[in-house]
PDB file of N, CA and C in Angstrom:
ATOM      1  N   MET A   1     -29.875  76.286-159.451  1.00  0.00           N
ATOM      2  CA  MET A   1     -28.993  76.389-160.529  1.00  0.00           C
ATOM      3  C   MET A   1     -27.832  76.851-160.118  1.00  0.00           C
ATOM      4  N   ASN A   2     -26.671  76.109-160.462  1.00  0.00           N
ATOM      5  CA  ASN A   2     -25.387  76.578-160.137  1.00  0.00           C
ATOM      6  C   ASN A   2     -24.872  77.713-161.021  1.00  0.00           C
ATOM      7  N   ASN A   3     -23.893  78.396-160.724  1.00  0.00           N
ATOM      8  CA  ASN A   3     -23.340  79.502-161.556  1.00  0.00           C
ATOM      9  C   ASN A   3     -23.003  79.175-163.058  1.00  0.00           C
ATOM     10  N   ARG A   4     -22.440  78.056-163.330  1.00  0.00           N
ATOM     11  CA  ARG A   4     -21.966  77.588-164.610  1.00  0.00           C
ATOM     12  C   ARG A   4     -23.331  77.469-165.355  1.00  0.00           C
ATOM     13  N   THR A   5     -24.277  76.742-164.906  1.00  0.00           N
ATOM     14  CA  THR A   5     -25.516  76.628-165.625  1.00  0.00           C
ATOM     15  C   THR A   5     -26.236  78.003-165.917  1.00  0.00           C
ATOM     16  N   LEU A   6     -26.181  79.005-164.974  1.00  0.00           N
ATOM     17  CA  LEU A   6     -26.735  80.284-165.118  1.00  0.00           C
ATOM     18  C   LEU A   6     -25.696  80.904-166.410  1.00  0.00           C
ATOM     19  N   ARG A   7     -24.478  81.009-166.276  1.00  0.00           N
ATOM     20  CA  ARG A   7     -23.834  81.365-167.126  1.00  0.00           C
ATOM     21  C   ARG A   7     -23.984  81.011-168.658  1.00  0.00           C
ATOM     22  N   LEU A   8     -24.154  79.573-168.668  1.00  0.00           N
ATOM     23  CA  LEU A   8     -24.555  78.731-169.896  1.00  0.00           C
ATOM     24  C   LEU A   8     -25.826  79.304-170.475  1.00  0.00           C
ATOM     25  N   ARG A   9     -26.862  79.554-169.665  1.00  0.00           N
ATOM     26  CA  ARG A   9     -28.150  80.043-170.071  1.00  0.00           C
ATOM     27  C   ARG A   9     -28.151  81.422-170.594  1.00  0.00           C
ATOM     28  N   ILE A  10     -27.405  82.258-169.830  1.00  0.00           N
ATOM     29  CA  ILE A  10     -27.171  83.717-170.279  1.00  0.00           C
ATOM     30  C   ILE A  10     -26.602  83.735-171.636  1.00  0.00           C
ATOM     31  N   ASN A  11     -25.523  82.710-171.681  1.00  0.00           N
ATOM     32  CA  ASN A  11     -24.917  82.825-173.053  1.00  0.00           C
ATOM     33  C   ASN A  11     -25.707  82.422-174.227  1.00  0.00           C
ATOM     34  N   LEU A  12     -26.630  81.390-173.952  1.00  0.00           N
ATOM     35  CA  LEU A  12     -27.273  80.743-174.917  1.00  0.00           C
ATOM     36  C   LEU A  12     -28.681  82.038-175.344  1.00  0.00           C
ATOM     37  N   ILE A  13     -29.130  82.481-174.321  1.00  0.00           N
ATOM     38  CA  ILE A  13     -30.046  83.794-174.549  1.00  0.00           C
ATOM     39  C   ILE A  13     -29.489  84.764-175.508  1.00  0.00           C
ATOM     40  N   ARG A  14     -28.002  85.144-175.050  1.00  0.00           N
ATOM     41  CA  ARG A  14     -27.320  86.203-175.976  1.00  0.00           C
ATOM     42  C   ARG A  14     -27.096  85.525-177.565  1.00  0.00           C
ATOM     43  N   PHE A  15     -26.760  84.478-177.431  1.00  0.00           N
ATOM     44  CA  PHE A  15     -26.950  83.882-178.879  1.00  0.00           C
ATOM     45  C   PHE A  15     -27.982  83.897-179.649  1.00  0.00           C
ATOM     46  N   ALA A  16     -29.102  83.364-178.976  1.00  0.00           N
ATOM     47  CA  ALA A  16     -30.502  83.330-179.510  1.00  0.00           C
ATOM     48  C   ALA A  16     -30.971  84.916-180.035  1.00  0.00           C
ATOM     49  N   ARG A  17     -30.454  85.854-179.216  1.00  0.00           N
ATOM     50  CA  ARG A  17     -30.683  87.429-179.516  1.00  0.00           C
ATOM     51  C   ARG A  17     -30.014  87.802-180.736  1.00  0.00           C
ATOM     52  N   ARG A  18     -28.878  87.335-180.886  1.00  0.00           N
ATOM     53  CA  ARG A  18     -28.068  87.502-181.995  1.00  0.00           C
ATOM     54  C   ARG A  18     -28.506  87.054-183.287  1.00  0.00           C
ATOM     55  N   ALA A  19     -28.756  85.751-183.014  1.00  0.00           N
ATOM     56  CA  ALA A  19     -29.480  84.909-184.221  1.00  0.00           C
ATOM     57  C   ALA A  19     -30.623  85.577-184.724  1.00  0.00           C
ATOM     58  N   PHE A  20     -31.371  86.081-183.859  1.00  0.00           N
ATOM     59  CA  PHE A  20     -32.681  86.706-184.218  1.00  0.00           C
ATOM     60  C   PHE A  20     -32.540  88.076-185.099  1.00  0.00           C
ATOM     61  N   PHE A  21     -31.584  88.657-184.479  1.00  0.00           N
ATOM     62  CA  PHE A  21     -31.249  90.018-185.217  1.00  0.00           C
ATOM     63  C   PHE A  21     -30.627  89.740-186.462  1.00  0.00           C
ATOM     64  N   ALA A  22     -29.483  88.630-186.748  1.00  0.00           N
ATOM     65  CA  ALA A  22     -29.115  88.129-187.917  1.00  0.00           C
ATOM     66  C   ALA A  22     -29.979  87.674-188.875  1.00  0.00           C
ATOM     67  N   TYR A  23     -31.102  86.959-188.506  1.00  0.00           N
ATOM     68  CA  TYR A  23     -31.927  86.391-189.252  1.00  0.00           C
ATOM     69  C   TYR A  23     -33.223  87.203-189.519  1.00  0.00           C
ATOM     70  N   GLY A  24     -33.536  88.329-188.988  1.00  0.00           N
ATOM     71  CA  GLY A  24     -34.793  88.929-188.925  1.00  0.00           C
ATOM     72  C   GLY A  24     -35.737  88.336-188.078  1.00  0.00           C
ATOM     73  N   GLU A  25     -37.009  88.650-188.615  1.00  0.00           N
ATOM     74  CA  GLU A  25     -38.049  88.076-187.774  1.00  0.00           C
ATOM     75  C   GLU A  25     -37.962  86.628-187.607  1.00  0.00           C
ATOM     76  N   GLY A  26     -37.546  85.683-188.284  1.00  0.00           N
ATOM     77  CA  GLY A  26     -37.615  84.366-188.192  1.00  0.00           C
ATOM     78  C   GLY A  26     -36.987  83.827-189.094  1.00  0.00           C
ATOM     79  N   MET A  27     -36.934  82.419-189.141  1.00  0.00           N
ATOM     80  CA  MET A  27     -36.185  81.760-190.236  1.00  0.00           C
ATOM     81  C   MET A  27     -36.994  80.467-190.540  1.00  0.00           C
ATOM     82  N   THR A  28     -36.729  79.982-191.674  1.00  0.00           N
ATOM     83  CA  THR A  28     -37.431  79.013-192.229  1.00  0.00           C
ATOM     84  C   THR A  28     -36.416  77.798-192.199  1.00  0.00           C
ATOM     85  N   VAL A  29     -36.850  76.490-191.485  1.00  0.00           N
ATOM     86  CA  VAL A  29     -35.898  75.487-191.251  1.00  0.00           C
ATOM     87  C   VAL A  29     -36.705  74.160-191.806  1.00  0.00           C
ATOM     88  N   GLU A  30     -36.058  73.685-192.842  1.00  0.00           N
ATOM     89  CA  GLU A  30     -36.651  72.331-193.219  1.00  0.00           C
ATOM     90  C   GLU A  30     -36.208  71.134-192.143  1.00  0.00           C
ATOM     91  N   ILE A  31     -37.280  70.548-191.906  1.00  0.00           N
ATOM     92  CA  ILE A  31     -36.949  69.269-190.975  1.00  0.00           C
ATOM     93  C   ILE A  31     -37.669  68.100-191.269  1.00  0.00           C
ATOM     94  N   SER A  32     -37.003  66.963-191.223  1.00  0.00           N
ATOM     95  CA  SER A  32     -37.613  65.557-191.801  1.00  0.00           C
ATOM     96  C   SER A  32     -38.859  65.235-191.078  1.00  0.00           C
ATOM     97  N   ASP A  33     -39.540  64.407-191.492  1.00  0.00           N
ATOM     98  CA  ASP A  33     -40.709  63.719-190.838  1.00  0.00           C
ATOM     99  C   ASP A  33     -40.589  63.211-189.594  1.00  0.00           C
ATOM    100  N   GLU A  34     -39.404  62.641-189.370  1.00  0.00           N
ATOM    101  CA  GLU A  34     -39.127  62.101-187.916  1.00  0.00           C
ATOM    102  C   GLU A  34     -39.004  63.476-186.915  1.00  0.00           C
ATOM    103  N   THR A  35     -38.425  64.243-187.356  1.00  0.00           N
ATOM    104  CA  THR A  35     -37.954  65.435-186.460  1.00  0.00           C
ATOM    105  C   THR A  35     -39.300  66.022-186.064  1.00  0.00           C
ATOM    106  N   GLU A  36     -40.185  66.108-187.233  1.00  0.00           N
ATOM    107  CA  GLU A  36     -41.689  66.839-186.932  1.00  0.00           C
ATOM    108  C   GLU A  36     -42.328  65.926-185.998  1.00  0.00           C
ATOM    109  N   ARG A  37     -42.316  64.769-186.139  1.00  0.00           N
ATOM    110  CA  ARG A  37     -43.080  63.928-185.360  1.00  0.00           C
ATOM    111  C   ARG A  37     -42.506  63.991-183.795  1.00  0.00           C
ATOM    112  N   LEU A  38     -41.258  64.136-183.569  1.00  0.00           N
ATOM    113  CA  LEU A  38     -40.621  64.337-182.325  1.00  0.00           C
ATOM    114  C   LEU A  38     -41.115  65.645-181.560  1.00  0.00           C
ATOM    115  N   LEU A  39     -41.211  66.620-182.685  1.00  0.00           N
ATOM    116  CA  LEU A  39     -41.570  67.971-181.935  1.00  0.00           C
ATOM    117  C   LEU A  39     -42.943  67.999-181.421  1.00  0.00           C
ATOM    118  N   ARG A  40     -43.737  67.322-182.480  1.00  0.00           N
ATOM    119  CA  ARG A  40     -45.335  67.324-182.180  1.00  0.00           C
ATOM    120  C   ARG A  40     -45.417  66.522-180.977  1.00  0.00           C
ATOM    121  N   GLU A  41     -44.789  65.485-180.728  1.00  0.00           N
ATOM    122  CA  GLU A  41     -44.871  64.634-179.436  1.00  0.00           C
ATOM    123  C   GLU A  41     -44.703  65.359-178.291  1.00  0.00           C
ATOM    124  N   GLN A  42     -43.478  66.082-178.232  1.00  0.00           N
ATOM    125  CA  GLN A  42     -43.181  67.101-177.167  1.00  0.00           C
ATOM    126  C   GLN A  42     -44.048  68.100-177.059  1.00  0.00           C
ATOM    127  N   LEU A  43     -44.689  68.685-177.876  1.00  0.00           N
ATOM    128  CA  LEU A  43     -45.808  69.751-177.745  1.00  0.00           C
ATOM    129  C   LEU A  43     -47.141  68.971-177.299  1.00  0.00           C
ATOM    130  N   ASP A  44     -47.438  67.818-177.660  1.00  0.00           N
ATOM    131  CA  ASP A  44     -48.648  67.228-177.164  1.00  0.00           C
ATOM    132  C   ASP A  44     -48.542  66.725-175.742  1.00  0.00           C
ATOM    133  N   SER A  45     -47.021  66.611-175.272  1.00  0.00           N
ATOM    134  CA  SER A  45     -47.159  66.129-173.988  1.00  0.00           C
ATOM    135  C   SER A  45     -47.421  67.210-172.894  1.00  0.00           C
ATOM    136  N   GLY A  46     -47.596  68.430-173.278  1.00  0.00           N
ATOM    137  CA  GLY A  46     -47.920  69.411-172.470  1.00  0.00           C
ATOM    138  C   GLY A  46     -46.600  70.047-171.728  1.00  0.00           C
ATOM    139  N   HIS A  47     -45.563  69.690-171.940  1.00  0.00           N
ATOM    140  CA  HIS A  47     -44.458  70.105-171.233  1.00  0.00           C
ATOM    141  C   HIS A  47     -43.882  71.451-171.871  1.00  0.00           C
ATOM    142  N   PHE A  48     -44.293  71.648-172.987  1.00  0.00           N
ATOM    143  CA  PHE A  48     -43.838  72.916-173.885  1.00  0.00           C
ATOM    144  C   PHE A  48     -44.929  73.608-174.422  1.00  0.00           C
ATOM    145  N   LYS A  49     -45.012  74.868-174.475  1.00  0.00           N
ATOM    146  CA  LYS A  49     -46.110  75.801-175.141  1.00  0.00           C
ATOM    147  C   LYS A  49     -45.852  76.024-176.583  1.00  0.00           C
ATOM    148  N   SER A  50     -44.700  75.790-177.102  1.00  0.00           N
ATOM    149  CA  SER A  50     -44.276  76.272-178.485  1.00  0.00           C
ATOM    150  C   SER A  50     -43.134  75.510-179.080  1.00  0.00           C
ATOM    151  N   ILE A  51     -42.875  75.371-180.378  1.00  0.00           N
ATOM    152  CA  ILE A  51     -41.799  74.917-180.758  1.00  0.00           C
ATOM    153  C   ILE A  51     -40.615  75.593-180.419  1.00  0.00           C
ATOM    154  N   ASP A  52     -40.677  76.878-180.431  1.00  0.00           N
ATOM    155  CA  ASP A  52     -39.580  77.764-179.666  1.00  0.00           C
ATOM    156  C   ASP A  52     -39.124  77.144-178.241  1.00  0.00           C
ATOM    157  N   GLU A  53     -39.988  76.884-177.493  1.00  0.00           N
ATOM    158  CA  GLU A  53     -39.585  76.094-176.161  1.00  0.00           C
ATOM    159  C   GLU A  53     -38.806  74.804-176.515  1.00  0.00           C
ATOM    160  N   VAL A  54     -39.329  74.124-177.204  1.00  0.00           N
ATOM    161  CA  VAL A  54     -38.859  72.742-177.291  1.00  0.00           C
ATOM    162  C   VAL A  54     -37.405  72.885-177.864  1.00  0.00           C
ATOM    163  N   LEU A  55     -37.197  73.616-178.896  1.00  0.00           N
ATOM    164  CA  LEU A  55     -35.819  74.002-179.580  1.00  0.00           C
ATOM    165  C   LEU A  55     -34.871  74.672-178.458  1.00  0.00           C
ATOM    166  N   ALA A  56     -35.393  75.677-177.759  1.00  0.00           N
ATOM    167  CA  ALA A  56     -34.624  76.214-176.721  1.00  0.00           C
ATOM    168  C   ALA A  56     -34.099  75.275-175.603  1.00  0.00           C
ATOM    169  N   SER A  57     -35.070  74.323-175.349  1.00  0.00           N
ATOM    170  CA  SER A  57     -34.656  73.303-174.463  1.00  0.00           C
ATOM    171  C   SER A  57     -33.616  72.338-174.994  1.00  0.00           C
ATOM    172  N   ALA A  58     -33.703  72.073-176.117  1.00  0.00           N
ATOM    173  CA  ALA A  58     -32.909  71.050-176.884  1.00  0.00           C
ATOM    174  C   ALA A  58     -31.537  71.760-176.879  1.00  0.00           C
ATOM    175  N   LEU A  59     -31.612  73.037-177.515  1.00  0.00           N
ATOM    176  CA  LEU A  59     -30.156  73.584-177.533  1.00  0.00           C
ATOM    177  C   LEU A  59     -29.446  73.880-176.183  1.00  0.00           C
ATOM    178  N   THR A  60     -30.236  74.216-175.185  1.00  0.00           N
ATOM    179  CA  THR A  60     -29.741  74.375-173.858  1.00  0.00           C
ATOM    180  C   THR A  60     -29.073  73.073-173.402  1.00  0.00           C
ATOM    181  N   GLU A  61     -29.661  71.888-173.505  1.00  0.00           N
ATOM    182  CA  GLU A  61     -29.308  70.623-173.002  1.00  0.00           C
ATOM    183  C   GLU A  61     -27.966  70.286-173.952  1.00  0.00           C
ATOM    184  N   LEU A  62     -27.971  70.650-175.155  1.00  0.00           N
ATOM    185  CA  LEU A  62     -26.753  70.306-176.056  1.00  0.00           C
ATOM    186  C   LEU A  62     -25.764  71.036-175.631  1.00  0.00           C
ATOM    187  N   ALA A  63     -25.950  72.491-175.416  1.00  0.00           N
ATOM    188  CA  ALA A  63     -25.035  73.129-175.031  1.00  0.00           C
ATOM    189  C   ALA A  63     -24.166  72.868-173.610  1.00  0.00           C
ATOM    190  N   THR A  64     -25.258  72.416-172.773  1.00  0.00           N
ATOM    191  CA  THR A  64     -24.939  71.830-171.221  1.00  0.00           C
ATOM    192  C   THR A  64     -23.822  70.523-171.747  1.00  0.00           C
ATOM    193  N   ARG A  65     -24.335  69.702-172.618  1.00  0.00           N
ATOM    194  CA  ARG A  65     -23.480  68.335-172.704  1.00  0.00           C
ATOM    195  C   ARG A  65     -22.154  68.724-173.164  1.00  0.00           C
ATOM    196  N   ASN A  66     -21.960  69.578-174.357  1.00  0.00           N
ATOM    197  CA  ASN A  66     -20.957  69.910-174.881  1.00  0.00           C
ATOM    198  C   ASN A  66     -19.939  70.624-173.705  1.00  0.00           C
ATOM    199  N   ALA A  67     -20.604  71.712-172.977  1.00  0.00           N
ATOM    200  CA  ALA A  67     -19.636  72.175-171.952  1.00  0.00           C
ATOM    201  C   ALA A  67     -19.298  71.106-170.981  1.00  0.00           C
ATOM    202  N   LYS A  68     -20.111  70.108-170.713  1.00  0.00           N
ATOM    203  CA  LYS A  68     -19.306  69.161-169.573  1.00  0.00           C
ATOM    204  C   LYS A  68     -18.265  68.290-170.311  1.00  0.00           C
ATOM    205  N   LEU A  69     -18.702  67.823-171.706  1.00  0.00           N
ATOM    206  CA  LEU A  69     -17.567  67.250-171.970  1.00  0.00           C
ATOM    207  C   LEU A  69     -16.181  67.973-172.447  1.00  0.00           C
ATOM    208  N   ASN A  70     -16.262  69.146-172.774  1.00  0.00           N
ATOM    209  CA  ASN A  70     -15.068  70.257-172.563  1.00  0.00           C
ATOM    210  C   ASN A  70     -14.477  70.151-171.158  1.00  0.00           C
ATOM    211  N   TRP A  71     -15.404  70.296-170.155  1.00  0.00           N
ATOM    212  CA  TRP A  71     -14.717  70.424-168.822  1.00  0.00           C
ATOM    213  C   TRP A  71     -14.038  69.073-168.701  1.00  0.00           C
ATOM    214  N   GLN A  72     -14.677  67.965-168.877  1.00  0.00           N
ATOM    215  CA  GLN A  72     -13.914  66.765-168.806  1.00  0.00           C
ATOM    216  C   GLN A  72     -12.667  66.579-169.395  1.00  0.00           C
ATOM    217  N   ARG A  73     -12.811  67.064-170.808  1.00  0.00           N
ATOM    218  CA  ARG A  73     -11.305  66.812-171.649  1.00  0.00           C
ATOM    219  C   ARG A  73     -10.277  67.740-170.954  1.00  0.00           C
ATOM    220  N   LEU A  74     -10.726  69.148-170.479  1.00  0.00           N
ATOM    221  CA  LEU A  74      -9.788  69.844-169.801  1.00  0.00           C
ATOM    222  C   LEU A  74      -9.076  69.507-168.581  1.00  0.00           C
ATOM    223  N   ALA A  75     -10.058  68.663-167.724  1.00  0.00           N
ATOM    224  CA  ALA A  75      -9.517  67.726-166.379  1.00  0.00           C
ATOM    225  C   ALA A  75      -8.460  66.716-166.921  1.00  0.00           C
ATOM    226  N   ILE A  76      -8.803  66.015-168.011  1.00  0.00           N
ATOM    227  CA  ILE A  76      -8.071  64.765-168.482  1.00  0.00           C
ATOM    228  C   ILE A  76      -6.808  65.424-168.659  1.00  0.00           C
ATOM    229  N   GLN A  77      -6.787  66.501-169.512  1.00  0.00           N
ATOM    230  CA  GLN A  77      -5.589  66.925-170.017  1.00  0.00           C
ATOM    231  C   GLN A  77      -4.556  67.507-168.792  1.00  0.00           C
ATOM    232  N   ALA A  78      -5.359  68.217-167.949  1.00  0.00           N
ATOM    233  CA  ALA A  78      -4.581  68.862-166.749  1.00  0.00           C
ATOM    234  C   ALA A  78      -4.062  67.489-165.954  1.00  0.00           C
ATOM    235  N   SER A  79      -4.526  66.477-165.949  1.00  0.00           N
ATOM    236  CA  SER A  79      -4.086  65.466-165.005  1.00  0.00           C
ATOM    237  C   SER A  79      -3.160  64.327-165.844  1.00  0.00           C
ATOM    238  N   THR A  80      -2.911  64.713-166.847  1.00  0.00           N
ATOM    239  CA  THR A  80      -1.837  63.898-167.740  1.00  0.00           C
ATOM    240  C   THR A  80      -0.485  64.067-167.047  1.00  0.00           C
ATOM    241  N   GLY A  81       0.070  62.839-166.726  1.00  0.00           N
ATOM    242  CA  GLY A  81       1.068  62.881-166.161  1.00  0.00           C
ATOM    243  C   GLY A  81       1.081  62.622-164.632  1.00  0.00           C
ATOM    244  N   ALA A  82       0.117  62.652-163.950  1.00  0.00           N
ATOM    245  CA  ALA A  82      -0.061  62.635-162.391  1.00  0.00           C
ATOM    246  C   ALA A  82       0.243  61.313-161.883  1.00  0.00           C
ATOM    247  N   TRP A  83       0.208  60.348-162.578  1.00  0.00           N
ATOM    248  CA  TRP A  83       0.465  59.054-162.386  1.00  0.00           C
ATOM    249  C   TRP A  83       1.996  58.640-162.538  1.00  0.00           C
ATOM    250  N   LYS A  84       2.758  58.397-161.464  1.00  0.00           N
ATOM    251  CA  LYS A  84       4.210  58.050-161.443  1.00  0.00           C
ATOM    252  C   LYS A  84       4.426  56.735-160.998  1.00  0.00           C
ATOM    253  N   ASP A  85       5.072  55.955-161.909  1.00  0.00           N
ATOM    254  CA  ASP A  85       5.386  54.609-161.294  1.00  0.00           C
ATOM    255  C   ASP A  85       6.084  54.402-159.930  1.00  0.00           C
ATOM    256  N   GLU A  86       7.042  55.425-159.963  1.00  0.00           N
ATOM    257  CA  GLU A  86       7.870  55.472-158.922  1.00  0.00           C
ATOM    258  C   GLU A  86       6.977  55.508-157.446  1.00  0.00           C
ATOM    259  N   ASN A  87       5.806  56.019-157.609  1.00  0.00           N
ATOM    260  CA  ASN A  87       4.917  56.159-156.362  1.00  0.00           C
ATOM    261  C   ASN A  87       4.246  55.108-156.040  1.00  0.00           C
ATOM    262  N   HIS A  88       4.246  53.914-156.862  1.00  0.00           N
ATOM    263  CA  HIS A  88       3.310  52.602-156.658  1.00  0.00           C
ATOM    264  C   HIS A  88       4.332  51.596-156.787  1.00  0.00           C
ATOM    265  N   PRO A  89       5.425  51.331-155.991  1.00  0.00           N
ATOM    266  CA  PRO A  89       6.265  50.242-156.068  1.00  0.00           C
ATOM    267  C   PRO A  89       5.535  48.996-156.042  1.00  0.00           C
ATOM    268  N   GLU A  90       4.239  48.864-155.566  1.00  0.00           N
ATOM    269  CA  GLU A  90       3.619  47.617-155.412  1.00  0.00           C
ATOM    270  C   GLU A  90       3.130  47.115-156.685  1.00  0.00           C
ATOM    271  N   LEU A  91       3.194  47.901-157.620  1.00  0.00           N
ATOM    272  CA  LEU A  91       2.646  47.473-159.064  1.00  0.00           C
ATOM    273  C   LEU A  91       3.779  47.452-160.109  1.00  0.00           C
ATOM    274  N   ILE A  92       4.944  47.320-159.595  1.00  0.00           N
ATOM    275  CA  ILE A  92       6.181  47.042-160.562  1.00  0.00           C
ATOM    276  C   ILE A  92       5.865  45.631-161.227  1.00  0.00           C
ATOM    277  N   GLY A  93       5.323  44.606-160.636  1.00  0.00           N
ATOM    278  CA  GLY A  93       5.140  43.419-161.368  1.00  0.00           C
ATOM    279  C   GLY A  93       3.995  43.246-162.125  1.00  0.00           C
ATOM    280  N   GLY A  94       3.190  44.277-162.229  1.00  0.00           N
ATOM    281  CA  GLY A  94       1.852  44.409-163.052  1.00  0.00           C
ATOM    282  C   GLY A  94       0.842  44.388-161.815  1.00  0.00           C
ATOM    283  N   SER A  95      -0.505  44.747-162.473  1.00  0.00           N
ATOM    284  CA  SER A  95      -1.542  44.891-161.419  1.00  0.00           C
ATOM    285  C   SER A  95      -2.072  43.471-161.109  1.00  0.00           C
ATOM    286  N   ALA A  96      -2.101  42.586-162.198  1.00  0.00           N
ATOM    287  CA  ALA A  96      -2.474  41.117-161.626  1.00  0.00           C
ATOM    288  C   ALA A  96      -1.746  40.651-160.807  1.00  0.00           C
ATOM    289  N   ALA A  97      -0.555  40.721-160.882  1.00  0.00           N
ATOM    290  CA  ALA A  97       0.477  40.101-159.949  1.00  0.00           C
ATOM    291  C   ALA A  97       0.029  40.733-158.564  1.00  0.00           C
ATOM    292  N   TRP A  98      -0.288  42.085-158.479  1.00  0.00           N
ATOM    293  CA  TRP A  98      -0.504  42.652-157.202  1.00  0.00           C
ATOM    294  C   TRP A  98      -1.850  41.977-156.640  1.00  0.00           C
ATOM    295  N   VAL A  99      -2.700  42.025-157.417  1.00  0.00           N
ATOM    296  CA  VAL A  99      -4.035  41.491-157.159  1.00  0.00           C
ATOM    297  C   VAL A  99      -3.956  39.864-156.523  1.00  0.00           C
ATOM    298  N   ARG A 100      -3.036  39.160-157.265  1.00  0.00           N
ATOM    299  CA  ARG A 100      -2.908  37.818-156.749  1.00  0.00           C
ATOM    300  C   ARG A 100      -2.534  37.689-155.283  1.00  0.00           C
ATOM    301  N   GLN A 101      -1.376  38.718-155.157  1.00  0.00           N
ATOM    302  CA  GLN A 101      -0.748  38.754-153.821  1.00  0.00           C
ATOM    303  C   GLN A 101      -1.553  39.233-152.798  1.00  0.00           C
ATOM    304  N   ILE A 102      -2.277  40.141-152.799  1.00  0.00           N
ATOM    305  CA  ILE A 102      -3.229  40.759-152.074  1.00  0.00           C
ATOM    306  C   ILE A 102      -4.450  39.674-151.728  1.00  0.00           C
ATOM    307  N   ARG A 103      -4.768  38.822-152.649  1.00  0.00           N
ATOM    308  CA  ARG A 103      -5.786  37.961-152.567  1.00  0.00           C
ATOM    309  C   ARG A 103      -5.058  36.665-151.673  1.00  0.00           C
ATOM    310  N   ALA A 104      -3.925  36.287-152.030  1.00  0.00           N
ATOM    311  CA  ALA A 104      -3.071  35.326-151.062  1.00  0.00           C
ATOM    312  C   ALA A 104      -2.813  35.839-149.629  1.00  0.00           C
ATOM    313  N   GLU A 105      -2.544  37.108-149.463  1.00  0.00           N
ATOM    314  CA  GLU A 105      -2.517  37.534-148.193  1.00  0.00           C
ATOM    315  C   GLU A 105      -3.862  37.408-147.417  1.00  0.00           C
ATOM    316  N   SER A 106      -4.911  37.483-148.068  1.00  0.00           N
ATOM    317  CA  SER A 106      -6.048  37.540-147.309  1.00  0.00           C
ATOM    318  C   SER A 106      -6.638  36.249-147.087  1.00  0.00           C
ATOM    319  N   ASN A 107      -6.241  35.207-147.786  1.00  0.00           N
ATOM    320  CA  ASN A 107      -6.569  33.758-147.848  1.00  0.00           C
ATOM    321  C   ASN A 107      -5.780  33.421-146.738  1.00  0.00           C
ATOM    322  N   ASP A 108      -4.407  33.674-146.525  1.00  0.00           N
ATOM    323  CA  ASP A 108      -3.387  33.371-145.445  1.00  0.00           C
ATOM    324  C   ASP A 108      -4.000  33.673-144.205  1.00  0.00           C
ATOM    325  N   ARG A 109      -4.663  35.122-144.046  1.00  0.00           N
ATOM    326  CA  ARG A 109      -5.013  35.631-142.876  1.00  0.00           C
ATOM    327  C   ARG A 109      -6.401  34.918-142.336  1.00  0.00           C
ATOM    328  N   THR A 110      -7.297  34.443-143.472  1.00  0.00           N
ATOM    329  CA  THR A 110      -8.458  33.873-143.283  1.00  0.00           C
ATOM    330  C   THR A 110      -8.018  32.518-142.624  1.00  0.00           C
ATOM    331  N   GLN A 111      -7.139  31.990-143.028  1.00  0.00           N
ATOM    332  CA  GLN A 111      -6.630  30.494-142.538  1.00  0.00           C
ATOM    333  C   GLN A 111      -6.155  30.756-141.143  1.00  0.00           C
ATOM    334  N   ARG A 112      -5.442  31.566-141.009  1.00  0.00           N
ATOM    335  CA  ARG A 112      -4.769  31.825-139.528  1.00  0.00           C
ATOM    336  C   ARG A 112      -6.005  32.000-138.378  1.00  0.00           C
ATOM    337  N   ILE A 113      -6.957  32.701-139.061  1.00  0.00           N
ATOM    338  CA  ILE A 113      -8.105  32.986-138.078  1.00  0.00           C
ATOM    339  C   ILE A 113      -8.882  31.586-137.710  1.00  0.00           C
ATOM    340  N   GLU A 114      -9.033  31.087-139.012  1.00  0.00           N
ATOM    341  CA  GLU A 114      -9.914  29.615-138.568  1.00  0.00           C
ATOM    342  C   GLU A 114      -9.333  28.689-137.741  1.00  0.00           C
ATOM    343  N   ARG A 115      -7.720  28.633-137.951  1.00  0.00           N
ATOM    344  CA  ARG A 115      -7.260  27.658-137.129  1.00  0.00           C
ATOM    345  C   ARG A 115      -7.271  28.047-135.607  1.00  0.00           C
ATOM    346  N   HIS A 116      -7.316  29.569-135.289  1.00  0.00           N
ATOM    347  CA  HIS A 116      -7.295  29.856-133.891  1.00  0.00           C
ATOM    348  C   HIS A 116      -8.808  29.539-133.395  1.00  0.00           C
ATOM    349  N   ARG A 117      -9.915  29.655-134.292  1.00  0.00           N
ATOM    350  CA  ARG A 117     -11.362  29.239-133.815  1.00  0.00           C
ATOM    351  C   ARG A 117     -11.387  27.858-133.504  1.00  0.00           C
ATOM    352  N   ARG A 118     -10.808  27.174-134.133  1.00  0.00           N
ATOM    353  CA  ARG A 118     -10.956  25.645-133.949  1.00  0.00           C
ATOM    354  C   ARG A 118     -10.347  25.108-132.914  1.00  0.00           C
ATOM    355  N   PRO A 119     -10.970  24.245-132.134  1.00  0.00           N
ATOM    356  CA  PRO A 119     -10.276  23.709-130.791  1.00  0.00           C
ATOM    357  C   PRO A 119      -9.264  22.607-131.362  1.00  0.00           C
ATOM    358  N   GLU A 120      -8.189  22.320-130.862  1.00  0.00           N
ATOM    359  CA  GLU A 120      -7.207  21.466-131.203  1.00  0.00           C
ATOM    360  C   GLU A 120      -7.321  20.205-130.339  1.00  0.00           C
TER     361      GLU A 120
END
């Protein structure tokens, strides 16, 4: 478990404790038949001992997913403007033209090699 995961789990535990004290001994939640079926499926699988464990696992996964998405958003925002056209003069004519040029150079190279291999 890395440090970020550990911090995330600690924060979730703190959140759960605050929710417990805010709502008292427990809370009543209405769920759909489909959600109940999914919960029972998880309990019957033997991976979880209680509905609390299923929900804690689901909330942890959700928080982890949201944290990853936030880190990705921050990375994208931080890298905005990193690409500069002047650093890539080979792409001035567009990427398609550059790819055609590279392929043509490769074909020329292959033909020269083949000419040297064939006895004349």
